PDB file of N, CA and C in Angstrom:
ATOM      1  N   UNK A   1     -62.956-100.788  40.399  1.00  0.00           N
ATOM      2  CA  UNK A   1     -63.077 -99.526  39.697  1.00  0.00           C
ATOM      3  C   UNK A   1     -61.965 -98.607  40.187  1.00  0.00           C
ATOM      4  N   UNK A   2     -61.369 -97.883  39.269  1.00  0.00           N
ATOM      5  CA  UNK A   2     -60.256 -97.017  39.613  1.00  0.00           C
ATOM      6  C   UNK A   2     -60.708 -95.576  39.745  1.00  0.00           C
ATOM      7  N   UNK A   3     -59.790 -94.747  40.217  1.00  0.00           N
ATOM      8  CA  UNK A   3     -60.085 -93.325  40.329  1.00  0.00           C
ATOM      9  C   UNK A   3     -60.384 -92.712  38.970  1.00  0.00           C
ATOM     10  N   UNK A   4     -59.796 -93.254  37.898  1.00  0.00           N
ATOM     11  CA  UNK A   4     -60.045 -92.726  36.557  1.00  0.00           C
ATOM     12  C   UNK A   4     -61.484 -92.999  36.142  1.00  0.00           C
ATOM     13  N   UNK A   5     -61.957 -94.217  36.391  1.00  0.00           N
ATOM     14  CA  UNK A   5     -63.311 -94.581  36.001  1.00  0.00           C
ATOM     15  C   UNK A   5     -64.342 -93.722  36.706  1.00  0.00           C
ATOM     16  N   UNK A   6     -64.086 -93.419  37.950  1.00  0.00           N
ATOM     17  CA  UNK A   6     -65.022 -92.626  38.740  1.00  0.00           C
ATOM     18  C   UNK A   6     -65.192 -91.233  38.137  1.00  0.00           C
ATOM     19  N   UNK A   7     -64.162 -90.724  37.487  1.00  0.00           N
ATOM     20  CA  UNK A   7     -64.208 -89.387  36.910  1.00  0.00           C
ATOM     21  C   UNK A   7     -64.867 -89.345  35.534  1.00  0.00           C
ATOM     22  N   UNK A   8     -65.304 -90.482  35.024  1.00  0.00           N
ATOM     23  CA  UNK A   8     -65.884 -90.534  33.686  1.00  0.00           C
ATOM     24  C   UNK A   8     -67.345 -90.955  33.774  1.00  0.00           C
ATOM     25  N   UNK A   9     -67.966 -91.036  32.614  1.00  0.00           N
ATOM     26  CA  UNK A   9     -69.351 -91.501  32.550  1.00  0.00           C
ATOM     27  C   UNK A   9     -69.445 -93.007  32.753  1.00  0.00           C
ATOM     28  N   UNK A  10     -68.306 -93.684  32.877  1.00  0.00           N
ATOM     29  CA  UNK A  10     -68.287 -95.134  33.055  1.00  0.00           C
ATOM     30  C   UNK A  10     -68.407 -95.536  34.522  1.00  0.00           C
ATOM     31  N   UNK A  11     -68.739 -94.605  35.404  1.00  0.00           N
ATOM     32  CA  UNK A  11     -68.741 -94.908  36.833  1.00  0.00           C
ATOM     33  C   UNK A  11     -69.940 -95.755  37.270  1.00  0.00           C
ATOM     34  N   UNK A  12     -70.988 -95.806  36.482  1.00  0.00           N
ATOM     35  CA  UNK A  12     -72.154 -96.628  36.809  1.00  0.00           C
ATOM     36  C   UNK A  12     -71.973 -98.000  36.175  1.00  0.00           C
ATOM     37  N   UNK A  13     -71.570 -98.985  36.982  1.00  0.00           N
ATOM     38  CA  UNK A  13     -71.378-100.319  36.424  1.00  0.00           C
ATOM     39  C   UNK A  13     -72.208-101.344  37.176  1.00  0.00           C
ATOM     40  N   UNK A  14     -72.613-102.375  36.444  1.00  0.00           N
ATOM     41  CA  UNK A  14     -73.367-103.482  37.006  1.00  0.00           C
ATOM     42  C   UNK A  14     -72.396-104.522  37.552  1.00  0.00           C
ATOM     43  N   UNK A  15     -72.871-105.454  38.375  1.00  0.00           N
ATOM     44  CA  UNK A  15     -71.981-106.500  38.895  1.00  0.00           C
ATOM     45  C   UNK A  15     -71.331-107.346  37.787  1.00  0.00           C
ATOM     46  N   UNK A  16     -71.978-107.448  36.627  1.00  0.00           N
ATOM     47  CA  UNK A  16     -71.428-108.252  35.529  1.00  0.00           C
ATOM     48  C   UNK A  16     -70.515-107.444  34.609  1.00  0.00           C
ATOM     49  N   UNK A  17     -70.222-106.206  34.969  1.00  0.00           N
ATOM     50  CA  UNK A  17     -69.407-105.341  34.127  1.00  0.00           C
ATOM     51  C   UNK A  17     -68.081-105.004  34.801  1.00  0.00           C
ATOM     52  N   UNK A  18     -67.155-104.567  33.982  1.00  0.00           N
ATOM     53  CA  UNK A  18     -65.863-104.113  34.479  1.00  0.00           C
ATOM     54  C   UNK A  18     -65.400-102.979  33.571  1.00  0.00           C
ATOM     55  N   UNK A  19     -64.479-102.178  34.084  1.00  0.00           N
ATOM     56  CA  UNK A  19     -63.968-101.044  33.325  1.00  0.00           C
ATOM     57  C   UNK A  19     -62.463-101.195  33.162  1.00  0.00           C
ATOM     58  N   UNK A  20     -62.010-101.074  31.920  1.00  0.00           N
ATOM     59  CA  UNK A  20     -60.585-101.067  31.624  1.00  0.00           C
ATOM     60  C   UNK A  20     -60.164 -99.619  31.423  1.00  0.00           C
ATOM     61  N   UNK A  21     -59.238 -99.147  32.232  1.00  0.00           N
ATOM     62  CA  UNK A  21     -58.696 -97.798  32.101  1.00  0.00           C
ATOM     63  C   UNK A  21     -57.351 -97.879  31.389  1.00  0.00           C
ATOM     64  N   UNK A  22     -57.179 -97.067  30.363  1.00  0.00           N
ATOM     65  CA  UNK A  22     -55.946 -97.034  29.600  1.00  0.00           C
ATOM     66  C   UNK A  22     -55.424 -95.607  29.626  1.00  0.00           C
ATOM     67  N   UNK A  23     -54.226 -95.445  30.150  1.00  0.00           N
ATOM     68  CA  UNK A  23     -53.618 -94.110  30.232  1.00  0.00           C
ATOM     69  C   UNK A  23     -52.486 -94.015  29.216  1.00  0.00           C
ATOM     70  N   UNK A  24     -52.576 -93.028  28.349  1.00  0.00           N
ATOM     71  CA  UNK A  24     -51.521 -92.751  27.380  1.00  0.00           C
ATOM     72  C   UNK A  24     -50.854 -91.461  27.806  1.00  0.00           C
ATOM     73  N   UNK A  25     -49.565 -91.516  28.065  1.00  0.00           N
ATOM     74  CA  UNK A  25     -48.903 -90.315  28.562  1.00  0.00           C
ATOM     75  C   UNK A  25     -47.967 -89.692  27.543  1.00  0.00           C
ATOM     76  N   UNK A  26     -46.923 -90.393  27.147  1.00  0.00           N
ATOM     77  CA  UNK A  26     -45.970 -89.794  26.219  1.00  0.00           C
ATOM     78  C   UNK A  26     -45.370 -90.847  25.300  1.00  0.00           C
ATOM     79  N   UNK A  27     -44.863 -90.366  24.171  1.00  0.00           N
ATOM     80  CA  UNK A  27     -44.202 -91.219  23.193  1.00  0.00           C
ATOM     81  C   UNK A  27     -42.894 -90.548  22.814  1.00  0.00           C
ATOM     82  N   UNK A  28     -41.875 -91.351  22.583  1.00  0.00           N
ATOM     83  CA  UNK A  28     -40.601 -90.817  22.112  1.00  0.00           C
ATOM     84  C   UNK A  28     -40.274 -91.485  20.784  1.00  0.00           C
ATOM     85  N   UNK A  29     -40.343 -90.698  19.718  1.00  0.00           N
ATOM     86  CA  UNK A  29     -40.038 -91.198  18.383  1.00  0.00           C
ATOM     87  C   UNK A  29     -38.559 -91.021  18.096  1.00  0.00           C
ATOM     88  N   UNK A  30     -38.008 -91.936  17.323  1.00  0.00           N
ATOM     89  CA  UNK A  30     -36.634 -91.807  16.829  1.00  0.00           C
ATOM     90  C   UNK A  30     -36.679 -90.772  15.706  1.00  0.00           C
ATOM     91  N   UNK A  31     -36.126 -89.606  15.959  1.00  0.00           N
ATOM     92  CA  UNK A  31     -36.188 -88.493  15.027  1.00  0.00           C
ATOM     93  C   UNK A  31     -35.631 -88.867  13.653  1.00  0.00           C
ATOM     94  N   UNK A  32     -34.498 -89.559  13.615  1.00  0.00           N
ATOM     95  CA  UNK A  32     -33.899 -89.953  12.339  1.00  0.00           C
ATOM     96  C   UNK A  32     -34.803 -90.904  11.558  1.00  0.00           C
ATOM     97  N   UNK A  33     -35.406 -91.868  12.253  1.00  0.00           N
ATOM     98  CA  UNK A  33     -36.269 -92.844  11.586  1.00  0.00           C
ATOM     99  C   UNK A  33     -37.534 -92.174  11.056  1.00  0.00           C
ATOM    100  N   UNK A  34     -38.133 -91.295  11.846  1.00  0.00           N
ATOM    101  CA  UNK A  34     -39.339 -90.593  11.396  1.00  0.00           C
ATOM    102  C   UNK A  34     -39.033 -89.761  10.162  1.00  0.00           C
ATOM    103  N   UNK A  35     -37.937 -89.021  10.203  1.00  0.00           N
ATOM    104  CA  UNK A  35     -37.552 -88.201   9.048  1.00  0.00           C
ATOM    105  C   UNK A  35     -37.298 -89.064   7.820  1.00  0.00           C
ATOM    106  N   UNK A  36     -36.690 -90.228   8.035  1.00  0.00           N
ATOM    107  CA  UNK A  36     -36.414 -91.144   6.928  1.00  0.00           C
ATOM    108  C   UNK A  36     -37.717 -91.655   6.308  1.00  0.00           C
ATOM    109  N   UNK A  37     -38.635 -92.087   7.155  1.00  0.00           N
ATOM    110  CA  UNK A  37     -39.913 -92.621   6.684  1.00  0.00           C
ATOM    111  C   UNK A  37     -40.712 -91.547   5.944  1.00  0.00           C
ATOM    112  N   UNK A  38     -40.682 -90.328   6.462  1.00  0.00           N
ATOM    113  CA  UNK A  38     -41.444 -89.237   5.845  1.00  0.00           C
ATOM    114  C   UNK A  38     -40.699 -88.548   4.708  1.00  0.00           C
ATOM    115  N   UNK A  39     -39.445 -88.936   4.494  1.00  0.00           N
ATOM    116  CA  UNK A  39     -38.662 -88.329   3.423  1.00  0.00           C
ATOM    117  C   UNK A  39     -38.248 -86.901   3.724  1.00  0.00           C
ATOM    118  N   UNK A  40     -38.015 -86.615   4.995  1.00  0.00           N
ATOM    119  CA  UNK A  40     -37.616 -85.272   5.418  1.00  0.00           C
ATOM    120  C   UNK A  40     -36.137 -85.250   5.755  1.00  0.00           C
ATOM    121  N   UNK A  41     -35.510 -84.114   5.576  1.00  0.00           N
ATOM    122  CA  UNK A  41     -34.098 -83.991   5.965  1.00  0.00           C
ATOM    123  C   UNK A  41     -34.000 -83.433   7.375  1.00  0.00           C
ATOM    124  N   UNK A  42     -34.256 -82.183   7.537  1.00  0.00           N
ATOM    125  CA  UNK A  42     -34.192 -81.541   8.853  1.00  0.00           C
ATOM    126  C   UNK A  42     -35.546 -80.924   9.164  1.00  0.00           C
ATOM    127  N   UNK A  43     -36.471 -81.770   9.585  1.00  0.00           N
ATOM    128  CA  UNK A  43     -37.820 -81.279   9.867  1.00  0.00           C
ATOM    129  C   UNK A  43     -37.849 -80.487  11.164  1.00  0.00           C
ATOM    130  N   UNK A  44     -38.628 -79.458  11.165  1.00  0.00           N
ATOM    131  CA  UNK A  44     -38.888 -78.698  12.386  1.00  0.00           C
ATOM    132  C   UNK A  44     -39.815 -79.563  13.240  1.00  0.00           C
ATOM    133  N   UNK A  45     -39.496 -79.760  14.540  1.00  0.00           N
ATOM    134  CA  UNK A  45     -40.327 -80.639  15.372  1.00  0.00           C
ATOM    135  C   UNK A  45     -41.824 -80.313  15.325  1.00  0.00           C
ATOM    136  N   UNK A  46     -42.168 -79.044  15.197  1.00  0.00           N
ATOM    137  CA  UNK A  46     -43.592 -78.692  15.169  1.00  0.00           C
ATOM    138  C   UNK A  46     -44.278 -79.175  13.892  1.00  0.00           C
ATOM    139  N   UNK A  47     -43.483 -79.569  12.880  1.00  0.00           N
ATOM    140  CA  UNK A  47     -44.055 -80.074  11.634  1.00  0.00           C
ATOM    141  C   UNK A  47     -44.533 -81.517  11.778  1.00  0.00           C
ATOM    142  N   UNK A  48     -44.030 -82.225  12.788  1.00  0.00           N
ATOM    143  CA  UNK A  48     -44.422 -83.610  13.035  1.00  0.00           C
ATOM    144  C   UNK A  48     -45.681 -83.599  13.896  1.00  0.00           C
ATOM    145  N   UNK A  49     -46.764 -84.152  13.347  1.00  0.00           N
ATOM    146  CA  UNK A  49     -48.049 -84.161  14.059  1.00  0.00           C
ATOM    147  C   UNK A  49     -48.472 -85.600  14.301  1.00  0.00           C
ATOM    148  N   UNK A  50     -48.954 -85.863  15.511  1.00  0.00           N
ATOM    149  CA  UNK A  50     -49.280 -87.223  15.917  1.00  0.00           C
ATOM    150  C   UNK A  50     -50.587 -87.252  16.690  1.00  0.00           C
ATOM    151  N   UNK A  51     -51.351 -88.317  16.489  1.00  0.00           N
ATOM    152  CA  UNK A  51     -52.468 -88.631  17.368  1.00  0.00           C
ATOM    153  C   UNK A  51     -52.556 -90.144  17.441  1.00  0.00           C
ATOM    154  N   UNK A  52     -53.191 -90.638  18.477  1.00  0.00           N
ATOM    155  CA  UNK A  52     -53.301 -92.079  18.690  1.00  0.00           C
ATOM    156  C   UNK A  52     -54.768 -92.471  18.617  1.00  0.00           C
ATOM    157  N   UNK A  53     -55.036 -93.563  17.914  1.00  0.00           N
ATOM    158  CA  UNK A  53     -56.383 -94.107  17.802  1.00  0.00           C
ATOM    159  C   UNK A  53     -56.398 -95.449  18.532  1.00  0.00           C
ATOM    160  N   UNK A  54     -57.418 -95.655  19.368  1.00  0.00           N
ATOM    161  CA  UNK A  54     -57.518 -96.889  20.136  1.00  0.00           C
ATOM    162  C   UNK A  54     -58.861 -97.560  19.838  1.00  0.00           C
ATOM    163  N   UNK A  55     -58.780 -98.814  19.384  1.00  0.00           N
ATOM    164  CA  UNK A  55     -59.954 -99.665  19.217  1.00  0.00           C
ATOM    165  C   UNK A  55     -59.834-100.779  20.240  1.00  0.00           C
ATOM    166  N   UNK A  56     -60.824-100.921  21.097  1.00  0.00           N
ATOM    167  CA  UNK A  56     -60.778-102.006  22.070  1.00  0.00           C
ATOM    168  C   UNK A  56     -62.120-102.717  22.100  1.00  0.00           C
ATOM    169  N   UNK A  57     -62.075-103.979  21.790  1.00  0.00           N
ATOM    170  CA  UNK A  57     -63.223-104.881  21.866  1.00  0.00           C
ATOM    171  C   UNK A  57     -64.390-104.306  21.069  1.00  0.00           C
ATOM    172  N   UNK A  58     -65.565-104.153  21.668  1.00  0.00           N
ATOM    173  CA  UNK A  58     -66.738-103.677  20.937  1.00  0.00           C
ATOM    174  C   UNK A  58     -67.091-102.230  21.279  1.00  0.00           C
ATOM    175  N   UNK A  59     -66.132-101.507  21.826  1.00  0.00           N
ATOM    176  CA  UNK A  59     -66.358-100.108  22.204  1.00  0.00           C
ATOM    177  C   UNK A  59     -66.144 -99.189  21.009  1.00  0.00           C
ATOM    178  N   UNK A  60     -66.616 -97.960  21.146  1.00  0.00           N
ATOM    179  CA  UNK A  60     -66.385 -96.963  20.107  1.00  0.00           C
ATOM    180  C   UNK A  60     -64.896 -96.672  20.003  1.00  0.00           C
ATOM    181  N   UNK A  61     -64.449 -96.362  18.799  1.00  0.00           N
ATOM    182  CA  UNK A  61     -63.064 -95.958  18.593  1.00  0.00           C
ATOM    183  C   UNK A  61     -62.840 -94.621  19.287  1.00  0.00           C
ATOM    184  N   UNK A  62     -61.718 -94.526  19.987  1.00  0.00           N
ATOM    185  CA  UNK A  62     -61.388 -93.280  20.687  1.00  0.00           C
ATOM    186  C   UNK A  62     -60.041 -92.779  20.192  1.00  0.00           C
ATOM    187  N   UNK A  63     -59.818 -91.478  20.329  1.00  0.00           N
ATOM    188  CA  UNK A  63     -58.554 -90.902  19.855  1.00  0.00           C
ATOM    189  C   UNK A  63     -58.090 -89.784  20.774  1.00  0.00           C
ATOM    190  N   UNK A  64     -56.801 -89.527  20.705  1.00  0.00           N
ATOM    191  CA  UNK A  64     -56.221 -88.420  21.461  1.00  0.00           C
ATOM    192  C   UNK A  64     -56.335 -87.151  20.640  1.00  0.00           C
ATOM    193  N   UNK A  65     -55.993 -86.043  21.250  1.00  0.00           N
ATOM    194  CA  UNK A  65     -55.883 -84.786  20.526  1.00  0.00           C
ATOM    195  C   UNK A  65     -54.615 -84.817  19.679  1.00  0.00           C
ATOM    196  N   UNK A  66     -54.548 -83.937  18.704  1.00  0.00           N
ATOM    197  CA  UNK A  66     -53.379 -83.818  17.854  1.00  0.00           C
ATOM    198  C   UNK A  66     -52.250 -83.148  18.633  1.00  0.00           C
ATOM    199  N   UNK A  67     -51.059 -83.740  18.568  1.00  0.00           N
ATOM    200  CA  UNK A  67     -49.874 -83.188  19.248  1.00  0.00           C
ATOM    201  C   UNK A  67     -48.761 -82.997  18.241  1.00  0.00           C
ATOM    202  N   UNK A  68     -47.782 -82.189  18.608  1.00  0.00           N
ATOM    203  CA  UNK A  68     -46.662 -81.872  17.722  1.00  0.00           C
ATOM    204  C   UNK A  68     -45.344 -82.340  18.327  1.00  0.00           C
ATOM    205  N   UNK A  69     -44.387 -82.651  17.467  1.00  0.00           N
ATOM    206  CA  UNK A  69     -43.030 -82.942  17.913  1.00  0.00           C
ATOM    207  C   UNK A  69     -42.695 -84.419  17.956  1.00  0.00           C
ATOM    208  N   UNK A  70     -41.426 -84.681  18.266  1.00  0.00           N
ATOM    209  CA  UNK A  70     -40.904 -86.044  18.324  1.00  0.00           C
ATOM    210  C   UNK A  70     -41.136 -86.705  19.693  1.00  0.00           C
ATOM    211  N   UNK A  71     -41.522 -85.924  20.679  1.00  0.00           N
ATOM    212  CA  UNK A  71     -41.806 -86.463  22.014  1.00  0.00           C
ATOM    213  C   UNK A  71     -43.120 -85.893  22.535  1.00  0.00           C
ATOM    214  N   UNK A  72     -44.237 -86.212  21.856  1.00  0.00           N
ATOM    215  CA  UNK A  72     -45.519 -85.643  22.274  1.00  0.00           C
ATOM    216  C   UNK A  72     -45.988 -86.191  23.617  1.00  0.00           C
ATOM    217  N   UNK A  73     -46.594 -85.326  24.407  1.00  0.00           N
ATOM    218  CA  UNK A  73     -47.193 -85.719  25.685  1.00  0.00           C
ATOM    219  C   UNK A  73     -48.704 -85.679  25.534  1.00  0.00           C
ATOM    220  N   UNK A  74     -49.340 -86.824  25.693  1.00  0.00           N
ATOM    221  CA  UNK A  74     -50.774 -86.918  25.489  1.00  0.00           C
ATOM    222  C   UNK A  74     -51.563 -86.757  26.783  1.00  0.00           C
ATOM    223  N   UNK A  75     -51.147 -87.425  27.847  1.00  0.00           N
ATOM    224  CA  UNK A  75     -51.849 -87.373  29.125  1.00  0.00           C
ATOM    225  C   UNK A  75     -53.355 -87.560  28.951  1.00  0.00           C
ATOM    226  N   UNK A  76     -53.704 -88.659  28.296  1.00  0.00           N
ATOM    227  CA  UNK A  76     -55.099 -88.977  27.999  1.00  0.00           C
ATOM    228  C   UNK A  76     -55.468 -90.283  28.696  1.00  0.00           C
ATOM    229  N   UNK A  77     -56.676 -90.331  29.232  1.00  0.00           N
ATOM    230  CA  UNK A  77     -57.165 -91.550  29.864  1.00  0.00           C
ATOM    231  C   UNK A  77     -58.424 -91.991  29.130  1.00  0.00           C
ATOM    232  N   UNK A  78     -58.420 -93.233  28.673  1.00  0.00           N
ATOM    233  CA  UNK A  78     -59.593 -93.823  28.042  1.00  0.00           C
ATOM    234  C   UNK A  78     -60.176 -94.853  28.994  1.00  0.00           C
ATOM    235  N   UNK A  79     -61.485 -94.898  29.089  1.00  0.00           N
ATOM    236  CA  UNK A  79     -62.170 -95.890  29.913  1.00  0.00           C
ATOM    237  C   UNK A  79     -63.092 -96.699  29.017  1.00  0.00           C
ATOM    238  N   UNK A  80     -62.970 -98.018  29.110  1.00  0.00           N
ATOM    239  CA  UNK A  80     -63.791 -98.912  28.300  1.00  0.00           C
ATOM    240  C   UNK A  80     -64.605 -99.802  29.229  1.00  0.00           C
ATOM    241  N   UNK A  81     -65.925 -99.652  29.204  1.00  0.00           N
ATOM    242  CA  UNK A  81     -66.806-100.484  30.032  1.00  0.00           C
ATOM    243  C   UNK A  81     -67.273-101.674  29.203  1.00  0.00           C
ATOM    244  N   UNK A  82     -67.156-102.875  29.785  1.00  0.00           N
ATOM    245  CA  UNK A  82     -67.533-104.091  29.084  1.00  0.00           C
ATOM    246  C   UNK A  82     -68.240-105.054  30.019  1.00  0.00           C
ATOM    247  N   UNK A  83     -69.131-105.852  29.437  1.00  0.00           N
ATOM    248  CA  UNK A  83     -69.760-106.938  30.177  1.00  0.00           C
ATOM    249  C   UNK A  83     -68.770-108.091  30.234  1.00  0.00           C
ATOM    250  N   UNK A  84     -68.524-108.583  31.421  1.00  0.00           N
ATOM    251  CA  UNK A  84     -67.576-109.687  31.591  1.00  0.00           C
ATOM    252  C   UNK A  84     -68.343-110.994  31.440  1.00  0.00           C
ATOM    253  N   UNK A  85     -68.147-111.636  30.286  1.00  0.00           N
ATOM    254  CA  UNK A  85     -68.755-112.927  29.999  1.00  0.00           C
ATOM    255  C   UNK A  85     -67.695-113.805  29.319  1.00  0.00           C
ATOM    256  N   UNK A  86     -68.076-114.996  28.913  1.00  0.00           N
ATOM    257  CA  UNK A  86     -67.117-115.907  28.288  1.00  0.00           C
ATOM    258  C   UNK A  86     -66.504-115.318  27.024  1.00  0.00           C
ATOM    259  N   UNK A  87     -67.321-114.653  26.203  1.00  0.00           N
ATOM    260  CA  UNK A  87     -66.823-114.060  24.967  1.00  0.00           C
ATOM    261  C   UNK A  87     -65.743-113.019  25.249  1.00  0.00           C
ATOM    262  N   UNK A  88     -65.973-112.169  26.242  1.00  0.00           N
ATOM    263  CA  UNK A  88     -65.009-111.121  26.620  1.00  0.00           C
ATOM    264  C   UNK A  88     -63.713-111.740  27.162  1.00  0.00           C
ATOM    265  N   UNK A  89     -63.848-112.742  28.016  1.00  0.00           N
ATOM    266  CA  UNK A  89     -62.667-113.393  28.583  1.00  0.00           C
ATOM    267  C   UNK A  89     -61.837-114.095  27.514  1.00  0.00           C
ATOM    268  N   UNK A  90     -62.499-114.704  26.533  1.00  0.00           N
ATOM    269  CA  UNK A  90     -61.765-115.325  25.426  1.00  0.00           C
ATOM    270  C   UNK A  90     -61.065-114.260  24.588  1.00  0.00           C
ATOM    271  N   UNK A  91     -61.710-113.122  24.393  1.00  0.00           N
ATOM    272  CA  UNK A  91     -61.108-112.021  23.653  1.00  0.00           C
ATOM    273  C   UNK A  91     -59.824-111.547  24.341  1.00  0.00           C
ATOM    274  N   UNK A  92     -59.877-111.406  25.658  1.00  0.00           N
ATOM    275  CA  UNK A  92     -58.709-110.956  26.406  1.00  0.00           C
ATOM    276  C   UNK A  92     -57.575-111.977  26.347  1.00  0.00           C
ATOM    277  N   UNK A  93     -57.936-113.268  26.366  1.00  0.00           N
ATOM    278  CA  UNK A  93     -56.928-114.333  26.313  1.00  0.00           C
ATOM    279  C   UNK A  93     -56.224-114.312  24.973  1.00  0.00           C
TER     280      UNK A  93
END
């Protein structure tokens, strides 16, 4: 168990369980490519809005807050508690 897990509601785990901590910090988008895809010429960075959605195994879908710009900083930690069994290990493989 990591320091991140201890700070969440996932801190109570059974011997057959494990916690996967996922930290999302920052993303750097290619400004020209984003503008091209969105059909923009000279977009104001605050006009670009981003959030990240994470689906992992059988856990609830989680998401970050909405951020602005071509280099958003999320600084979000997701914790996923799972029972470690054959099905889970095959999923990871």
